[in-house]
Amino acid sequence: MEKRKRSIGELISSVTFLVFGIWVIAEGTKLWASGDILKSIVVIICGALSFAGAFRFQIKKSVDKWRH
């Protein structure tokens, strides 16, 4: 299988997902430390999903390999 080149837009969105995910997770840990547990859990989950979005192409490739 030929390796597909990523466009500049895809690279920019991947970096954005990565940085935003890290930032949101950090904010969630601050909420946890302040005692707002339920809100922090929701924020951390959202940050983790954004962080995972940075690796969406690698995740898709792994899922495709697993399915076939």
Foldseek 3Di string as FASTA:
>chain_A
DDDDDDDPVLLVQLVVLQVQLVVQLVVLVVCVVVPVPVVSVVSNVVSVVSNVVSCVVVVVVVVVVVVD
